Amino acid sequence: MPLQRRIPKRGFTNIYRVEYGIINVGSLQKFDSGAEVGPDELREAGLLSKRFATVKLLADGELQHPLTLRVHKASKAAVLKVEASGGRVELITKPKRK
């Protein structure tokens, strides 16, 4: 049997990988108009798991009222949807690794 078939297959695990909690624009309807929404408010509302330290905003759904969102990353389409409703997106820095 060839050597490459006898050696166990092992993958690469990136120790510097950053996992983002995904939030869609449509799920932000539960917040009041004009509210400032960050990671802590998303956790309190049950939209973000405690295991995610960072948040990424994606453009699935529609937003009917203006919000100020503080997230770590956002897609261009999501930023356009939030700004079209009169809100704004602020990018915050990633937390330092321990």
C-alpha atoms as a PDB file:
ATOM      1  CA  MET A   1       0.000   0.000   0.000  1.00  0.00           C
ATOM      2  CA  PRO A   2       1.388   3.483  -0.844  1.00  0.00           C
ATOM      3  CA  LEU A   3       2.686   5.651   1.974  1.00  0.00           C
ATOM      4  CA  GLN A   4       0.064   8.395   1.505  1.00  0.00           C
ATOM      5  CA  ARG A   5      -2.692   5.860   2.154  1.00  0.00           C
ATOM      6  CA  ARG A   6      -1.031   4.404   5.258  1.00  0.00           C
ATOM      7  CA  ILE A   7      -0.497   7.723   7.079  1.00  0.00           C
ATOM      8  CA  PRO A   8      -3.524   9.031   8.982  1.00  0.00           C
ATOM      9  CA  LYS A   9      -5.184  12.085   7.502  1.00  0.00           C
ATOM     10  CA  ARG A  10      -4.903  15.142   9.673  1.00  0.00           C
ATOM     11  CA  GLY A  11      -6.137  18.605   8.853  1.00  0.00           C
ATOM     12  CA  PHE A  12      -4.875  22.031   9.669  1.00  0.00           C
ATOM     13  CA  THR A  13      -6.426  23.950  12.572  1.00  0.00           C
ATOM     14  CA  ASN A  14      -5.838  27.666  12.444  1.00  0.00           C
ATOM     15  CA  ILE A  15      -5.358  28.843  16.032  1.00  0.00           C
ATOM     16  CA  TYR A  16      -5.901  32.479  14.997  1.00  0.00           C
ATOM     17  CA  ARG A  17      -9.319  31.900  13.428  1.00  0.00           C
ATOM     18  CA  VAL A  18     -11.991  34.401  14.432  1.00  0.00           C
ATOM     19  CA  GLU A  19     -15.558  33.101  14.535  1.00  0.00           C
ATOM     20  CA  TYR A  20     -18.298  35.648  13.951  1.00  0.00           C
ATOM     21  CA  GLY A  21     -21.841  35.487  15.235  1.00  0.00           C
ATOM     22  CA  ILE A  22     -24.110  36.144  12.257  1.00  0.00           C
ATOM     23  CA  ILE A  23     -26.934  38.687  12.559  1.00  0.00           C
ATOM     24  CA  ASN A  24     -29.278  39.394   9.648  1.00  0.00           C
ATOM     25  CA  VAL A  25     -30.817  42.811   9.040  1.00  0.00           C
ATOM     26  CA  GLY A  26     -34.330  41.345   9.151  1.00  0.00           C
ATOM     27  CA  SER A  27     -33.878  40.065  12.710  1.00  0.00           C
ATOM     28  CA  LEU A  28     -33.265  43.613  14.007  1.00  0.00           C
ATOM     29  CA  GLN A  29     -36.965  44.547  13.766  1.00  0.00           C
ATOM     30  CA  LYS A  30     -37.498  43.691  17.441  1.00  0.00           C
ATOM     31  CA  PHE A  31     -35.512  46.769  18.540  1.00  0.00           C
ATOM     32  CA  ASP A  32     -37.207  50.153  18.959  1.00  0.00           C
ATOM     33  CA  SER A  33     -36.749  52.914  16.403  1.00  0.00           C
ATOM     34  CA  GLY A  34     -33.592  54.963  16.996  1.00  0.00           C
ATOM     35  CA  ALA A  35     -32.063  52.442  19.410  1.00  0.00           C
ATOM     36  CA  GLU A  36     -28.311  51.908  19.623  1.00  0.00           C
ATOM     37  CA  VAL A  37     -27.652  48.185  19.219  1.00  0.00           C
ATOM     38  CA  GLY A  38     -24.327  46.532  20.042  1.00  0.00           C
ATOM     39  CA  PRO A  39     -23.178  43.006  20.925  1.00  0.00           C
ATOM     40  CA  ASP A  40     -24.477  43.272  24.507  1.00  0.00           C
ATOM     41  CA  GLU A  41     -27.968  44.274  23.388  1.00  0.00           C
ATOM     42  CA  LEU A  42     -28.001  41.456  20.830  1.00  0.00           C
ATOM     43  CA  ARG A  43     -27.137  38.932  23.573  1.00  0.00           C
ATOM     44  CA  GLU A  44     -29.877  40.284  25.847  1.00  0.00           C
ATOM     45  CA  ALA A  45     -32.413  39.983  23.012  1.00  0.00           C
ATOM     46  CA  GLY A  46     -31.374  36.358  22.401  1.00  0.00           C
ATOM     47  CA  LEU A  47     -30.050  36.979  18.888  1.00  0.00           C
ATOM     48  CA  LEU A  48     -26.384  36.265  19.660  1.00  0.00           C
ATOM     49  CA  SER A  49     -24.882  33.317  21.498  1.00  0.00           C
ATOM     50  CA  LYS A  50     -22.474  33.929  24.366  1.00  0.00           C
ATOM     51  CA  ARG A  51     -19.753  31.921  22.622  1.00  0.00           C
ATOM     52  CA  PHE A  52     -19.262  34.579  19.927  1.00  0.00           C
ATOM     53  CA  ALA A  53     -17.126  37.576  20.849  1.00  0.00           C
ATOM     54  CA  THR A  54     -17.504  39.199  17.423  1.00  0.00           C
ATOM     55  CA  VAL A  55     -20.557  40.062  15.315  1.00  0.00           C
ATOM     56  CA  LYS A  56     -21.035  40.205  11.542  1.00  0.00           C
ATOM     57  CA  LEU A  57     -24.069  41.880   9.973  1.00  0.00           C
ATOM     58  CA  LEU A  58     -25.522  40.313   6.816  1.00  0.00           C
ATOM     59  CA  ALA A  59     -28.189  41.679   4.462  1.00  0.00           C
ATOM     60  CA  ASP A  60     -30.963  39.068   4.678  1.00  0.00           C
ATOM     61  CA  GLY A  61     -34.321  40.744   5.343  1.00  0.00           C
ATOM     62  CA  GLU A  62     -35.538  44.328   5.515  1.00  0.00           C
ATOM     63  CA  LEU A  63     -35.288  47.018   8.177  1.00  0.00           C
ATOM     64  CA  GLN A  64     -38.276  49.366   8.534  1.00  0.00           C
ATOM     65  CA  HIS A  65     -36.961  51.873  11.090  1.00  0.00           C
ATOM     66  CA  PRO A  66     -33.594  53.563  11.756  1.00  0.00           C
ATOM     67  CA  LEU A  67     -31.090  51.969  14.133  1.00  0.00           C
ATOM     68  CA  THR A  68     -27.503  52.664  15.115  1.00  0.00           C
ATOM     69  CA  LEU A  69     -25.651  49.360  14.887  1.00  0.00           C
ATOM     70  CA  ARG A  70     -22.247  48.663  16.427  1.00  0.00           C
ATOM     71  CA  VAL A  71     -20.759  45.497  14.890  1.00  0.00           C
ATOM     72  CA  HIS A  72     -17.305  44.124  14.090  1.00  0.00           C
ATOM     73  CA  LYS A  73     -17.962  43.430  10.392  1.00  0.00           C
ATOM     74  CA  ALA A  74     -20.766  44.150   7.950  1.00  0.00           C
ATOM     75  CA  SER A  75     -21.432  43.317   4.321  1.00  0.00           C
ATOM     76  CA  LYS A  76     -21.780  46.199   1.876  1.00  0.00           C
ATOM     77  CA  ALA A  77     -25.386  45.257   1.112  1.00  0.00           C
ATOM     78  CA  ALA A  78     -26.259  45.235   4.830  1.00  0.00           C
ATOM     79  CA  VAL A  79     -24.763  48.694   5.321  1.00  0.00           C
ATOM     80  CA  LEU A  80     -26.771  49.994   2.345  1.00  0.00           C
ATOM     81  CA  LYS A  81     -30.015  48.538   3.747  1.00  0.00           C
ATOM     82  CA  VAL A  82     -29.457  50.064   7.188  1.00  0.00           C
ATOM     83  CA  GLU A  83     -28.552  53.460   5.718  1.00  0.00           C
ATOM     84  CA  ALA A  84     -31.593  53.326   3.403  1.00  0.00           C
ATOM     85  CA  SER A  85     -33.818  53.044   6.478  1.00  0.00           C
ATOM     86  CA  GLY A  86     -32.163  56.103   8.029  1.00  0.00           C
ATOM     87  CA  GLY A  87     -29.807  54.297  10.401  1.00  0.00           C
ATOM     88  CA  ARG A  88     -26.056  53.882  10.483  1.00  0.00           C
ATOM     89  CA  VAL A  89     -23.470  51.167  11.034  1.00  0.00           C
ATOM     90  CA  GLU A  90     -20.408  51.713  13.220  1.00  0.00           C
ATOM     91  CA  LEU A  91     -17.547  49.239  12.994  1.00  0.00           C
ATOM     92  CA  ILE A  92     -15.900  48.450  16.311  1.00  0.00           C
ATOM     93  CA  THR A  93     -12.490  46.876  16.809  1.00  0.00           C
ATOM     94  CA  LYS A  94     -12.057  43.198  17.480  1.00  0.00           C
ATOM     95  CA  PRO A  95     -11.386  42.125  21.066  1.00  0.00           C
ATOM     96  CA  LYS A  96      -7.801  41.223  21.918  1.00  0.00           C
ATOM     97  CA  ARG A  97      -6.919  37.540  22.152  1.00  0.00           C
ATOM     98  CA  LYS A  98      -6.166  36.280  25.641  1.00  0.00           C
END
